Protein backbone atom coordinates (compact mmCIF):
# COMPACT_ATOMS: atom_id res chain seq x y z
CA MET A 1 -21.47 -23.00 -4.99
CA ALA A 2 -18.74 -25.19 -6.39
CA ASP A 3 -16.12 -22.73 -5.17
CA ASP A 4 -17.63 -22.76 -1.68
CA ASN A 5 -17.56 -26.56 -1.61
CA ALA A 6 -13.94 -26.59 -2.80
CA GLN A 7 -12.89 -24.06 -0.16
CA GLN A 8 -14.67 -26.06 2.53
CA GLY A 9 -12.87 -29.19 1.34
CA MET A 10 -9.52 -27.40 1.49
CA ALA A 11 -10.29 -26.20 5.04
CA ARG A 12 -11.15 -29.76 6.10
CA HIS A 13 -7.94 -30.98 4.48
CA ASN A 14 -5.86 -28.37 6.35
CA GLN A 15 -7.41 -29.11 9.73
CA PRO A 16 -5.45 -32.38 10.29
CA GLN A 17 -2.26 -30.61 9.23
CA ARG A 18 -2.84 -27.83 11.74
CA LYS A 19 -3.55 -30.44 14.39
CA VAL A 20 -0.20 -32.13 13.69
CA VAL A 21 1.64 -28.83 14.13
CA THR A 22 -0.27 -27.95 17.30
CA ARG A 23 0.15 -31.42 18.73
CA PHE A 24 3.88 -31.40 18.04
CA ALA A 25 4.30 -28.04 19.79
CA LEU A 26 2.27 -29.08 22.84
CA ILE A 27 4.05 -32.42 23.20
CA ALA A 28 7.45 -30.77 22.81
CA ILE A 29 6.64 -28.24 25.56
CA GLY A 30 5.21 -30.88 27.87
CA GLY A 31 8.09 -33.23 27.17
CA PHE A 32 10.62 -30.51 27.95
CA ILE A 33 8.98 -29.84 31.34
CA VAL A 34 9.01 -33.53 32.24
CA LEU A 35 12.57 -34.07 31.03
CA MET A 36 13.78 -30.99 32.90
CA LEU A 37 12.45 -32.49 36.12
CA ALA A 38 14.42 -35.65 35.37
CA TRP A 39 17.43 -33.58 34.29
CA VAL A 40 17.64 -31.92 37.71
CA LYS A 41 18.26 -35.34 39.24
CA ALA A 42 20.53 -36.76 36.53
CA SER A 43 22.51 -33.66 35.51
CA PRO A 44 25.37 -34.09 38.03
CA TRP A 45 26.40 -37.28 36.20
CA LEU A 46 25.26 -36.50 32.66
CA SER A 47 27.08 -33.16 32.74
CA TYR A 48 30.33 -34.58 34.12
CA PRO A 49 31.82 -34.96 30.59
CA VAL A 50 31.18 -31.22 30.15
CA ALA A 51 33.42 -30.57 33.14
CA VAL A 52 36.11 -32.85 31.70
CA LEU A 53 36.10 -31.05 28.34
CA SER A 54 36.06 -27.67 30.10
CA HIS A 55 39.06 -28.71 32.18
CA VAL A 56 41.02 -29.49 29.02
CA ALA A 57 39.89 -26.30 27.30
CA LEU A 58 40.88 -24.10 30.25
CA GLU A 59 44.34 -25.62 30.54
CA GLN A 60 44.95 -25.35 26.80
CA SER A 61 43.54 -21.85 26.23
CA THR A 62 44.42 -20.04 29.47
CA PRO A 63 47.40 -21.82 31.08
CA MET A 64 48.64 -18.53 32.59
CA TRP A 65 45.56 -18.39 34.83
CA ILE A 66 44.91 -22.02 35.78
CA ARG A 67 46.64 -23.67 38.73
CA SER A 68 44.38 -26.67 39.16
CA VAL A 69 40.89 -27.89 38.33
CA ASP A 70 38.83 -30.14 40.58
CA LYS A 71 35.84 -31.99 39.13
CA GLN A 72 32.99 -33.67 40.96
CA PRO A 73 29.49 -34.63 39.79
CA GLY A 74 27.58 -31.37 39.74
CA LYS A 75 30.56 -29.12 40.51
CA ILE A 76 33.77 -27.83 38.96
CA THR A 77 36.29 -25.79 40.98
CA VAL A 78 39.07 -23.81 39.33
CA ASP A 79 42.02 -22.54 41.34
CA THR A 80 43.53 -19.58 39.49
CA SER A 81 46.76 -17.62 39.79
CA VAL A 82 44.97 -14.26 39.40
CA GLU A 83 45.33 -12.17 42.53
CA ILE A 84 42.83 -9.51 43.59
CA VAL A 85 42.47 -7.24 46.59
CA VAL A 86 40.00 -8.67 49.09
CA PRO A 87 37.31 -6.07 49.92
CA ASP A 88 37.45 -4.64 53.46
CA SER A 89 40.67 -6.51 54.26
CA GLY A 90 43.12 -3.65 54.53
CA GLY A 91 44.70 -4.36 51.15
CA ARG A 92 45.13 -8.09 51.62
CA ARG A 93 45.38 -9.98 48.34
CA ALA A 94 44.10 -13.44 47.47
CA GLU A 95 43.90 -15.68 44.44
CA VAL A 96 40.53 -16.06 42.71
CA LEU A 97 38.74 -19.38 43.17
CA LEU A 98 36.01 -20.17 40.64
CA GLU A 99 33.11 -22.58 41.11
CA ALA A 100 30.31 -23.59 38.77
CA ASN A 101 27.72 -26.28 38.14
CA PRO A 102 28.55 -27.97 34.80
CA GLY A 103 24.86 -28.76 34.28
CA ARG A 104 23.89 -25.10 34.45
CA TYR A 105 24.29 -24.60 30.71
CA ALA A 106 23.90 -28.24 29.66
CA PHE A 107 20.10 -28.30 29.62
CA GLY A 108 20.18 -28.66 25.85
CA LEU A 109 19.75 -32.42 26.26
CA PRO A 110 16.17 -32.08 27.62
CA ILE A 111 15.38 -29.72 24.74
CA LEU A 112 16.70 -32.21 22.21
CA GLY A 113 14.93 -35.09 23.94
CA ALA A 114 11.62 -33.24 23.93
CA LEU A 115 11.86 -32.51 20.20
CA LEU A 116 12.77 -36.11 19.40
CA PHE A 117 9.93 -37.43 21.53
CA ALA A 118 7.42 -35.03 19.95
CA ALA A 119 8.48 -36.24 16.49
CA TRP A 120 7.87 -39.83 17.59
CA ALA A 121 4.51 -38.97 19.18
CA VAL A 122 3.00 -37.29 16.11
CA ARG A 123 4.42 -39.53 13.38
CA ARG A 124 6.07 -42.48 15.10
CA ALA A 125 9.40 -41.39 13.65
CA PRO A 126 11.93 -44.21 14.22
CA GLY A 127 15.46 -44.11 15.57
CA ARG A 128 14.84 -41.99 18.64
CA LEU A 129 17.36 -43.61 20.97
CA TRP A 130 20.39 -43.51 18.70
CA ARG A 131 19.58 -39.93 17.73
CA LEU A 132 19.39 -38.96 21.39
CA GLY A 133 22.70 -40.67 22.12
CA LEU A 134 24.44 -39.05 19.15
CA GLY A 135 22.87 -35.70 19.99
CA TYR A 136 24.20 -35.95 23.54
CA VAL A 137 27.73 -36.37 22.20
CA LEU A 138 27.33 -33.55 19.67
CA LEU A 139 26.11 -31.15 22.35
CA LEU A 140 29.07 -31.70 24.69
CA PRO A 141 31.60 -29.34 23.00
CA PHE A 142 29.06 -26.52 22.85
CA GLN A 143 28.04 -27.01 26.47
CA SER A 144 31.70 -26.99 27.41
CA PHE A 145 32.13 -23.71 25.53
CA SER A 146 29.28 -22.16 27.52
CA LEU A 147 30.77 -23.33 30.82
CA VAL A 148 34.27 -22.11 29.94
CA MET A 149 32.98 -18.68 28.93
CA TYR A 150 30.97 -18.46 32.15
CA LEU A 151 34.07 -19.24 34.23
CA LEU A 152 36.23 -16.79 32.30
CA MET A 153 33.59 -14.09 32.71
CA GLU A 154 33.51 -14.77 36.46
CA LEU A 155 37.28 -14.37 36.55
CA ALA A 156 37.14 -11.13 34.59
CA SER A 157 34.41 -9.81 36.85
CA ALA A 158 36.37 -10.73 39.99
CA SER A 159 39.31 -8.71 38.64
CA GLN A 160 36.93 -5.81 37.92
CA PHE A 161 37.77 -6.21 34.21
CA ASN A 162 41.29 -4.93 34.83
CA ILE A 163 43.53 -5.99 31.95
CA ARG A 164 46.65 -5.45 34.05
CA THR A 165 45.39 -7.82 36.73
CA LEU A 166 44.49 -10.38 34.08
CA ARG A 167 47.69 -9.74 32.10
CA ILE A 168 45.89 -9.63 28.76
CA GLU A 169 45.12 -7.13 25.99
CA GLN A 170 41.91 -5.15 25.73
CA TRP A 171 40.72 -7.10 22.70
CA GLN A 172 41.11 -10.34 24.63
CA LEU A 173 38.93 -9.01 27.44
CA GLU A 174 36.31 -7.95 24.91
CA ALA A 175 36.46 -11.43 23.36
CA ILE A 176 35.65 -12.91 26.78
CA VAL A 177 32.69 -10.57 27.21
CA TYR A 178 31.26 -11.28 23.76
CA GLY A 179 32.00 -14.99 24.09
CA TYR A 180 30.14 -15.03 27.39
CA GLN A 181 27.09 -13.36 25.88
CA PHE A 182 27.01 -15.79 22.97
CA GLY A 183 27.87 -18.85 25.02
CA VAL A 184 25.40 -18.18 27.82
CA LEU A 185 22.49 -16.44 26.09
CA VAL A 186 22.44 -18.14 22.67
CA VAL A 187 24.27 -21.47 22.60
CA PRO A 188 22.35 -23.40 25.31
CA THR A 189 18.98 -23.03 23.56
CA LEU A 190 19.90 -22.61 19.90
CA VAL A 191 22.35 -25.48 19.46
CA PRO A 192 19.95 -28.26 20.63
CA VAL A 193 17.45 -27.13 18.00
CA LEU A 194 20.14 -27.11 15.30
CA VAL A 195 21.29 -30.58 16.35
CA TRP A 196 17.70 -31.79 16.17
CA LEU A 197 17.36 -30.35 12.65
CA LEU A 198 20.56 -32.15 11.70
CA LEU A 199 19.45 -35.50 13.11
CA ASP A 200 15.76 -35.27 12.23
CA GLY A 201 15.95 -33.46 8.90
CA LYS A 202 13.55 -35.84 7.14
CA PHE A 203 10.86 -35.39 9.77
CA PHE A 204 11.35 -31.62 9.82
CA SER A 205 10.97 -31.39 6.04
CA ALA A 206 7.62 -33.20 6.23
CA PHE A 207 6.63 -31.14 9.26
CA ALA A 208 7.48 -27.86 7.51
CA HIS A 209 5.54 -28.99 4.45
CA ASP A 210 2.46 -29.60 6.59
CA TRP A 211 2.85 -26.20 8.20
CA LYS A 212 3.07 -24.45 4.84
CA GLN A 213 0.10 -26.38 3.55
CA SER A 214 -2.01 -25.47 6.59
CA THR A 215 -1.22 -21.76 6.38
CA ARG A 216 -1.24 -21.28 2.61
CA ARG A 217 -4.25 -19.59 1.09
CA ALA A 218 -5.63 -21.36 -1.93
CA VAL A 219 -6.41 -19.10 -4.90
CA TRP A 220 -9.46 -20.25 -6.83
CA PRO A 221 -10.30 -18.92 -10.28
CA SER A 222 -13.61 -17.12 -10.54
CA ALA A 223 -16.35 -18.82 -12.46
């Protein structure tokens, strides 16, 4: 009887901890949806620094391909020196022109914002605004990497992955392919979470403790 009462007490103790975890997850998901709606409107301006960093990265890393880069809110245009044969043109050649939306892979800010807001909602964790501002700055180089790899992959695809057309070695082409996969499929969603863990480590430690406590099975000695 005493064991039953103790187990019931442990279950009641774990219920609030489970509720904190569930509430955090639901608020984070809801917050991400709301912030994504706002991000669609604000991304042309908030992602402009991504275009600026990408411009610098392209000129420094691939000067043999880049003629000029034009940046506008919500759009980056890259004029390249790579010539390809235009399909159904009788062999006419033209230089590749690349276009992309800098905000396409910069949605990490809504993810970070949703996690920070969820932490505030469940525990009133302080310092949300400065963490969001610092997180925005920390995300920029990674978002730029994703955009650069997307543009380079578009260039490689336009050349039909021909190393002679691109004037590079095979290993360099493979580096572009692997960089694209990592930069487009992994970086945009993983890095915001890692930045949040860096900025909100204290909250996460308490959060993880609650999660472990709510899922751990208590072992009670037999009478």
